[in-house]
Amino acid sequence: MWTSDTIQARLKAYENELPVCMRDYHLPGLSIAITNRHEVVYAKAYGARQLANNLPNTVETLHGIGSVSKSFMCLALLQ
């Protein structure tokens, strides 16, 4: 099983590429959360949650998932 330290070390290697990806895909903010069965082992937020008021994105920011829930439901039904 991967540990929190292992995950952080692997993601740190890509940390410098995230701002470039955010710019290329016009993402004002990005949040990453990785969990195991019982706990969050990695969580980090980048960019802004609201550009107009220059509010930063944090790991506590709530994001709407829009139509992505349909994909999760289909996967659950298929399983």
PDB file of N, CA and C in Angstrom:
ATOM      1  N   MET A   1       0.843  -1.200   0.000  1.00  0.00           N
ATOM      2  CA  MET A   1       0.000   0.000   0.000  1.00  0.00           C
ATOM      3  C   MET A   1       0.877   1.248   0.000  1.00  0.00           C
ATOM      4  N   TRP A   2       0.466   2.206  -0.757  1.00  0.00           N
ATOM      5  CA  TRP A   2       1.211   3.455  -0.819  1.00  0.00           C
ATOM      6  C   TRP A   2       1.004   4.245   0.453  1.00  0.00           C
ATOM      7  N   THR A   3       2.041   4.873   0.932  1.00  0.00           N
ATOM      8  CA  THR A   3       1.953   5.710   2.118  1.00  0.00           C
ATOM      9  C   THR A   3       1.790   7.166   1.692  1.00  0.00           C
ATOM     10  N   SER A   4       1.447   7.991   2.633  1.00  0.00           N
ATOM     11  CA  SER A   4       1.306   9.417   2.367  1.00  0.00           C
ATOM     12  C   SER A   4       2.628   9.998   1.874  1.00  0.00           C
ATOM     13  N   ASP A   5       3.742   9.552   2.451  1.00  0.00           N
ATOM     14  CA  ASP A   5       5.055  10.056   2.038  1.00  0.00           C
ATOM     15  C   ASP A   5       5.374   9.671   0.596  1.00  0.00           C
ATOM     16  N   THR A   6       5.045   8.444   0.210  1.00  0.00           N
ATOM     17  CA  THR A   6       5.291   7.992  -1.156  1.00  0.00           C
ATOM     18  C   THR A   6       4.477   8.811  -2.147  1.00  0.00           C
ATOM     19  N   ILE A   7       3.218   9.033  -1.833  1.00  0.00           N
ATOM     20  CA  ILE A   7       2.338   9.806  -2.714  1.00  0.00           C
ATOM     21  C   ILE A   7       2.843  11.232  -2.835  1.00  0.00           C
ATOM     22  N   GLN A   8       3.206  11.846  -1.721  1.00  0.00           N
ATOM     23  CA  GLN A   8       3.700  13.223  -1.748  1.00  0.00           C
ATOM     24  C   GLN A   8       4.976  13.337  -2.563  1.00  0.00           C
ATOM     25  N   ALA A   9       5.866  12.356  -2.446  1.00  0.00           N
ATOM     26  CA  ALA A   9       7.116  12.383  -3.204  1.00  0.00           C
ATOM     27  C   ALA A   9       6.844  12.271  -4.704  1.00  0.00           C
ATOM     28  N   ARG A  10       5.934  11.406  -5.087  1.00  0.00           N
ATOM     29  CA  ARG A  10       5.618  11.254  -6.517  1.00  0.00           C
ATOM     30  C   ARG A  10       4.949  12.499  -7.080  1.00  0.00           C
ATOM     31  N   LEU A  11       4.005  13.094  -6.332  1.00  0.00           N
ATOM     32  CA  LEU A  11       3.320  14.290  -6.820  1.00  0.00           C
ATOM     33  C   LEU A  11       4.241  15.501  -6.828  1.00  0.00           C
ATOM     34  N   LYS A  12       5.202  15.555  -5.915  1.00  0.00           N
ATOM     35  CA  LYS A  12       6.142  16.677  -5.878  1.00  0.00           C
ATOM     36  C   LYS A  12       6.944  16.759  -7.182  1.00  0.00           C
ATOM     37  N   ALA A  13       7.206  15.604  -7.792  1.00  0.00           N
ATOM     38  CA  ALA A  13       7.930  15.586  -9.059  1.00  0.00           C
ATOM     39  C   ALA A  13       7.154  16.310 -10.165  1.00  0.00           C
ATOM     40  N   TYR A  14       5.836  16.338 -10.068  1.00  0.00           N
ATOM     41  CA  TYR A  14       4.993  16.977 -11.083  1.00  0.00           C
ATOM     42  C   TYR A  14       4.495  18.356 -10.669  1.00  0.00           C
ATOM     43  N   GLU A  15       4.851  18.793  -9.471  1.00  0.00           N
ATOM     44  CA  GLU A  15       4.301  20.032  -8.930  1.00  0.00           C
ATOM     45  C   GLU A  15       4.617  21.249  -9.801  1.00  0.00           C
ATOM     46  N   ASN A  16       5.781  21.298 -10.420  1.00  0.00           N
ATOM     47  CA  ASN A  16       6.142  22.435 -11.267  1.00  0.00           C
ATOM     48  C   ASN A  16       5.373  22.446 -12.576  1.00  0.00           C
ATOM     49  N   GLU A  17       4.829  21.308 -12.972  1.00  0.00           N
ATOM     50  CA  GLU A  17       4.078  21.230 -14.222  1.00  0.00           C
ATOM     51  C   GLU A  17       2.615  21.640 -14.060  1.00  0.00           C
ATOM     52  N   LEU A  18       2.113  21.625 -12.841  1.00  0.00           N
ATOM     53  CA  LEU A  18       0.694  21.949 -12.623  1.00  0.00           C
ATOM     54  C   LEU A  18       0.336  23.374 -13.046  1.00  0.00           C
ATOM     55  N   PRO A  19       1.126  24.391 -12.698  1.00  0.00           N
ATOM     56  CA  PRO A  19       0.755  25.740 -13.170  1.00  0.00           C
ATOM     57  C   PRO A  19       0.731  25.843 -14.693  1.00  0.00           C
ATOM     58  N   VAL A  20       1.611  25.130 -15.362  1.00  0.00           N
ATOM     59  CA  VAL A  20       1.624  25.138 -16.831  1.00  0.00           C
ATOM     60  C   VAL A  20       0.346  24.499 -17.368  1.00  0.00           C
ATOM     61  N   CYS A  21      -0.043  23.360 -16.802  1.00  0.00           N
ATOM     62  CA  CYS A  21      -1.285  22.689 -17.225  1.00  0.00           C
ATOM     63  C   CYS A  21      -2.499  23.558 -16.937  1.00  0.00           C
ATOM     64  N   MET A  22      -2.505  24.211 -15.779  1.00  0.00           N
ATOM     65  CA  MET A  22      -3.624  25.077 -15.435  1.00  0.00           C
ATOM     66  C   MET A  22      -3.741  26.214 -16.442  1.00  0.00           C
ATOM     67  N   ARG A  23      -2.612  26.792 -16.821  1.00  0.00           N
ATOM     68  CA  ARG A  23      -2.630  27.877 -17.809  1.00  0.00           C
ATOM     69  C   ARG A  23      -3.090  27.355 -19.171  1.00  0.00           C
ATOM     70  N   ASP A  24      -2.538  26.218 -19.613  1.00  0.00           N
ATOM     71  CA  ASP A  24      -2.883  25.673 -20.925  1.00  0.00           C
ATOM     72  C   ASP A  24      -4.359  25.317 -21.043  1.00  0.00           C
ATOM     73  N   TYR A  25      -4.961  24.849 -19.953  1.00  0.00           N
ATOM     74  CA  TYR A  25      -6.373  24.438 -19.969  1.00  0.00           C
ATOM     75  C   TYR A  25      -7.303  25.484 -19.361  1.00  0.00           C
ATOM     76  N   HIS A  26      -6.771  26.669 -19.093  1.00  0.00           N
ATOM     77  CA  HIS A  26      -7.554  27.799 -18.578  1.00  0.00           C
ATOM     78  C   HIS A  26      -8.277  27.441 -17.275  1.00  0.00           C
ATOM     79  N   LEU A  27      -7.555  26.809 -16.351  1.00  0.00           N
ATOM     80  CA  LEU A  27      -8.122  26.439 -15.060  1.00  0.00           C
ATOM     81  C   LEU A  27      -7.708  27.467 -14.017  1.00  0.00           C
ATOM     82  N   PRO A  28      -8.663  28.194 -13.431  1.00  0.00           N
ATOM     83  CA  PRO A  28      -8.292  29.160 -12.396  1.00  0.00           C
ATOM     84  C   PRO A  28      -7.870  28.476 -11.092  1.00  0.00           C
ATOM     85  N   GLY A  29      -8.411  27.283 -10.841  1.00  0.00           N
ATOM     86  CA  GLY A  29      -8.085  26.562  -9.616  1.00  0.00           C
ATOM     87  C   GLY A  29      -8.114  25.066  -9.833  1.00  0.00           C
ATOM     88  N   LEU A  30      -7.364  24.371  -9.007  1.00  0.00           N
ATOM     89  CA  LEU A  30      -7.275  22.925  -9.108  1.00  0.00           C
ATOM     90  C   LEU A  30      -7.099  22.356  -7.716  1.00  0.00           C
ATOM     91  N   SER A  31      -7.827  21.298  -7.412  1.00  0.00           N
ATOM     92  CA  SER A  31      -7.689  20.615  -6.122  1.00  0.00           C
ATOM     93  C   SER A  31      -7.421  19.140  -6.372  1.00  0.00           C
ATOM     94  N   ILE A  32      -6.536  18.583  -5.570  1.00  0.00           N
ATOM     95  CA  ILE A  32      -6.202  17.166  -5.661  1.00  0.00           C
ATOM     96  C   ILE A  32      -6.426  16.545  -4.289  1.00  0.00           C
ATOM     97  N   ALA A  33      -7.137  15.427  -4.260  1.00  0.00           N
ATOM     98  CA  ALA A  33      -7.314  14.667  -3.019  1.00  0.00           C
ATOM     99  C   ALA A  33      -7.174  13.189  -3.345  1.00  0.00           C
ATOM    100  N   ILE A  34      -6.349  12.506  -2.591  1.00  0.00           N
ATOM    101  CA  ILE A  34      -6.163  11.069  -2.752  1.00  0.00           C
ATOM    102  C   ILE A  34      -6.497  10.420  -1.417  1.00  0.00           C
ATOM    103  N   THR A  35      -7.353   9.397  -1.483  1.00  0.00           N
ATOM    104  CA  THR A  35      -7.782   8.721  -0.265  1.00  0.00           C
ATOM    105  C   THR A  35      -7.495   7.228  -0.352  1.00  0.00           C
ATOM    106  N   ASN A  36      -7.390   6.626   0.820  1.00  0.00           N
ATOM    107  CA  ASN A  36      -7.449   5.173   0.867  1.00  0.00           C
ATOM    108  C   ASN A  36      -8.824   4.850   1.423  1.00  0.00           C
ATOM    109  N   ARG A  37      -9.042   3.714   1.896  1.00  0.00           N
ATOM    110  CA  ARG A  37     -10.394   3.362   2.357  1.00  0.00           C
ATOM    111  C   ARG A  37     -10.886   4.179   3.546  1.00  0.00           C
ATOM    112  N   HIS A  38      -9.968   4.705   4.354  1.00  0.00           N
ATOM    113  CA  HIS A  38     -10.392   5.294   5.616  1.00  0.00           C
ATOM    114  C   HIS A  38      -9.989   6.742   5.834  1.00  0.00           C
ATOM    115  N   GLU A  39      -9.065   7.263   5.038  1.00  0.00           N
ATOM    116  CA  GLU A  39      -8.587   8.609   5.317  1.00  0.00           C
ATOM    117  C   GLU A  39      -8.042   9.275   4.060  1.00  0.00           C
ATOM    118  N   VAL A  40      -7.930  10.594   4.140  1.00  0.00           N
ATOM    119  CA  VAL A  40      -7.283  11.354   3.081  1.00  0.00           C
ATOM    120  C   VAL A  40      -5.783  11.256   3.314  1.00  0.00           C
ATOM    121  N   VAL A  41      -5.066  10.750   2.317  1.00  0.00           N
ATOM    122  CA  VAL A  41      -3.616  10.615   2.465  1.00  0.00           C
ATOM    123  C   VAL A  41      -2.861  11.762   1.795  1.00  0.00           C
ATOM    124  N   TYR A  42      -3.541  12.500   0.911  1.00  0.00           N
ATOM    125  CA  TYR A  42      -2.914  13.648   0.259  1.00  0.00           C
ATOM    126  C   TYR A  42      -4.002  14.624  -0.164  1.00  0.00           C
ATOM    127  N   ALA A  43      -3.812  15.892   0.129  1.00  0.00           N
ATOM    128  CA  ALA A  43      -4.740  16.927  -0.321  1.00  0.00           C
ATOM    129  C   ALA A  43      -3.963  18.217  -0.536  1.00  0.00           C
ATOM    130  N   LYS A  44      -4.171  18.829  -1.683  1.00  0.00           N
ATOM    131  CA  LYS A  44      -3.515  20.098  -1.974  1.00  0.00           C
ATOM    132  C   LYS A  44      -4.366  20.876  -2.961  1.00  0.00           C
ATOM    133  N   ALA A  45      -4.351  22.189  -2.833  1.00  0.00           N
ATOM    134  CA  ALA A  45      -5.136  23.062  -3.708  1.00  0.00           C
ATOM    135  C   ALA A  45      -4.212  24.087  -4.359  1.00  0.00           C
ATOM    136  N   TYR A  46      -4.549  24.446  -5.587  1.00  0.00           N
ATOM    137  CA  TYR A  46      -3.762  25.403  -6.352  1.00  0.00           C
ATOM    138  C   TYR A  46      -4.675  26.457  -6.945  1.00  0.00           C
ATOM    139  N   GLY A  47      -4.150  27.650  -7.164  1.00  0.00           N
ATOM    140  CA  GLY A  47      -4.872  28.696  -7.877  1.00  0.00           C
ATOM    141  C   GLY A  47      -5.936  29.389  -7.060  1.00  0.00           C
ATOM    142  N   ALA A  48      -6.956  29.871  -7.766  1.00  0.00           N
ATOM    143  CA  ALA A  48      -8.002  30.687  -7.161  1.00  0.00           C
ATOM    144  C   ALA A  48      -9.357  29.995  -7.262  1.00  0.00           C
ATOM    145  N   ARG A  49     -10.189  30.220  -6.249  1.00  0.00           N
ATOM    146  CA  ARG A  49     -11.567  29.701  -6.310  1.00  0.00           C
ATOM    147  C   ARG A  49     -12.509  30.745  -6.879  1.00  0.00           C
ATOM    148  N   GLN A  50     -12.113  32.020  -6.783  1.00  0.00           N
ATOM    149  CA  GLN A  50     -12.932  33.102  -7.337  1.00  0.00           C
ATOM    150  C   GLN A  50     -11.995  34.196  -7.821  1.00  0.00           C
ATOM    151  N   LEU A  51     -11.931  34.362  -9.120  1.00  0.00           N
ATOM    152  CA  LEU A  51     -11.001  35.331  -9.693  1.00  0.00           C
ATOM    153  C   LEU A  51     -11.397  36.772  -9.412  1.00  0.00           C
ATOM    154  N   ALA A  52     -12.690  37.066  -9.440  1.00  0.00           N
ATOM    155  CA  ALA A  52     -13.161  38.443  -9.275  1.00  0.00           C
ATOM    156  C   ALA A  52     -12.709  39.051  -7.954  1.00  0.00           C
ATOM    157  N   ASN A  53     -12.771  38.280  -6.888  1.00  0.00           N
ATOM    158  CA  ASN A  53     -12.388  38.781  -5.565  1.00  0.00           C
ATOM    159  C   ASN A  53     -11.024  38.264  -5.120  1.00  0.00           C
ATOM    160  N   ASN A  54     -10.309  37.585  -6.026  1.00  0.00           N
ATOM    161  CA  ASN A  54      -8.979  37.056  -5.755  1.00  0.00           C
ATOM    162  C   ASN A  54      -8.959  36.172  -4.503  1.00  0.00           C
ATOM    163  N   LEU A  55      -9.949  35.274  -4.411  1.00  0.00           N
ATOM    164  CA  LEU A  55     -10.008  34.347  -3.285  1.00  0.00           C
ATOM    165  C   LEU A  55      -9.239  33.073  -3.635  1.00  0.00           C
ATOM    166  N   PRO A  56      -8.348  32.631  -2.760  1.00  0.00           N
ATOM    167  CA  PRO A  56      -7.546  31.451  -3.072  1.00  0.00           C
ATOM    168  C   PRO A  56      -8.343  30.156  -2.969  1.00  0.00           C
ATOM    169  N   ASN A  57      -7.946  29.186  -3.741  1.00  0.00           N
ATOM    170  CA  ASN A  57      -8.498  27.843  -3.645  1.00  0.00           C
ATOM    171  C   ASN A  57      -7.807  27.148  -2.470  1.00  0.00           C
ATOM    172  N   THR A  58      -8.568  26.467  -1.635  1.00  0.00           N
ATOM    173  CA  THR A  58      -8.001  25.746  -0.498  1.00  0.00           C
ATOM    174  C   THR A  58      -8.515  24.312  -0.519  1.00  0.00           C
ATOM    175  N   VAL A  59      -7.952  23.478   0.329  1.00  0.00           N
ATOM    176  CA  VAL A  59      -8.427  22.088   0.382  1.00  0.00           C
ATOM    177  C   VAL A  59      -9.829  22.009   0.975  1.00  0.00           C
ATOM    178  N   GLU A  60     -10.301  23.081   1.608  1.00  0.00           N
ATOM    179  CA  GLU A  60     -11.667  23.110   2.146  1.00  0.00           C
ATOM    180  C   GLU A  60     -12.684  23.684   1.170  1.00  0.00           C
ATOM    181  N   THR A  61     -12.236  24.187   0.029  1.00  0.00           N
ATOM    182  CA  THR A  61     -13.135  24.763  -0.970  1.00  0.00           C
ATOM    183  C   THR A  61     -14.066  23.681  -1.515  1.00  0.00           C
ATOM    184  N   LEU A  62     -15.350  23.985  -1.565  1.00  0.00           N
ATOM    185  CA  LEU A  62     -16.321  23.059  -2.134  1.00  0.00           C
ATOM    186  C   LEU A  62     -16.464  23.349  -3.623  1.00  0.00           C
ATOM    187  N   HIS A  63     -16.343  22.305  -4.430  1.00  0.00           N
ATOM    188  CA  HIS A  63     -16.448  22.447  -5.879  1.00  0.00           C
ATOM    189  C   HIS A  63     -17.692  21.709  -6.360  1.00  0.00           C
ATOM    190  N   GLY A  64     -18.419  22.322  -7.277  1.00  0.00           N
ATOM    191  CA  GLY A  64     -19.530  21.632  -7.915  1.00  0.00           C
ATOM    192  C   GLY A  64     -18.977  20.634  -8.924  1.00  0.00           C
ATOM    193  N   ILE A  65     -19.547  19.446  -8.982  1.00  0.00           N
ATOM    194  CA  ILE A  65     -19.018  18.435  -9.896  1.00  0.00           C
ATOM    195  C   ILE A  65     -19.836  18.327 -11.178  1.00  0.00           C
ATOM    196  N   GLY A  66     -20.898  19.093 -11.275  1.00  0.00           N
ATOM    197  CA  GLY A  66     -21.678  19.136 -12.506  1.00  0.00           C
ATOM    198  C   GLY A  66     -22.162  17.767 -12.952  1.00  0.00           C
ATOM    199  N   SER A  67     -21.979  17.473 -14.213  1.00  0.00           N
ATOM    200  CA  SER A  67     -22.470  16.216 -14.775  1.00  0.00           C
ATOM    201  C   SER A  67     -21.526  15.038 -14.567  1.00  0.00           C
ATOM    202  N   VAL A  68     -20.443  15.250 -13.862  1.00  0.00           N
ATOM    203  CA  VAL A  68     -19.490  14.160 -13.626  1.00  0.00           C
ATOM    204  C   VAL A  68     -20.132  13.039 -12.808  1.00  0.00           C
ATOM    205  N   SER A  69     -21.118  13.367 -11.994  1.00  0.00           N
ATOM    206  CA  SER A  69     -21.767  12.338 -11.180  1.00  0.00           C
ATOM    207  C   SER A  69     -22.439  11.266 -12.047  1.00  0.00           C
ATOM    208  N   LYS A  70     -22.833  11.618 -13.277  1.00  0.00           N
ATOM    209  CA  LYS A  70     -23.428  10.624 -14.180  1.00  0.00           C
ATOM    210  C   LYS A  70     -22.428   9.516 -14.501  1.00  0.00           C
ATOM    211  N   SER A  71     -21.167   9.880 -14.691  1.00  0.00           N
ATOM    212  CA  SER A  71     -20.122   8.886 -14.964  1.00  0.00           C
ATOM    213  C   SER A  71     -19.937   7.946 -13.786  1.00  0.00           C
ATOM    214  N   PHE A  72     -19.949   8.489 -12.577  1.00  0.00           N
ATOM    215  CA  PHE A  72     -19.803   7.660 -11.389  1.00  0.00           C
ATOM    216  C   PHE A  72     -20.990   6.698 -11.244  1.00  0.00           C
ATOM    217  N   MET A  73     -22.172   7.181 -11.517  1.00  0.00           N
ATOM    218  CA  MET A  73     -23.376   6.347 -11.413  1.00  0.00           C
ATOM    219  C   MET A  73     -23.329   5.213 -12.436  1.00  0.00           C
ATOM    220  N   CYS A  74     -22.951   5.519 -13.672  1.00  0.00           N
ATOM    221  CA  CYS A  74     -22.842   4.480 -14.699  1.00  0.00           C
ATOM    222  C   CYS A  74     -21.819   3.423 -14.324  1.00  0.00           C
ATOM    223  N   LEU A  75     -20.687   3.858 -13.800  1.00  0.00           N
ATOM    224  CA  LEU A  75     -19.659   2.913 -13.379  1.00  0.00           C
ATOM    225  C   LEU A  75     -20.171   2.023 -12.259  1.00  0.00           C
ATOM    226  N   ALA A  76     -20.866   2.619 -11.306  1.00  0.00           N
ATOM    227  CA  ALA A  76     -21.429   1.818 -10.192  1.00  0.00           C
ATOM    228  C   ALA A  76     -22.437   0.805 -10.699  1.00  0.00           C
ATOM    229  N   LEU A  77     -23.274   1.204 -11.656  1.00  0.00           N
ATOM    230  CA  LEU A  77     -24.268   0.276 -12.204  1.00  0.00           C
ATOM    231  C   LEU A  77     -23.597  -0.871 -12.967  1.00  0.00           C
ATOM    232  N   LEU A  78     -22.547  -0.562 -13.697  1.00  0.00           N
ATOM    233  CA  LEU A  78     -21.838  -1.580 -14.453  1.00  0.00           C
ATOM    234  C   LEU A  78     -21.131  -2.589 -13.535  1.00  0.00           C
ATOM    235  N   GLN A  79     -20.676  -2.106 -12.393  1.00  0.00           N
ATOM    236  CA  GLN A  79     -20.002  -3.019 -11.463  1.00  0.00           C
ATOM    237  C   GLN A  79     -20.994  -3.929 -10.798  1.00  0.00           C
TER     238      GLN A  79
END
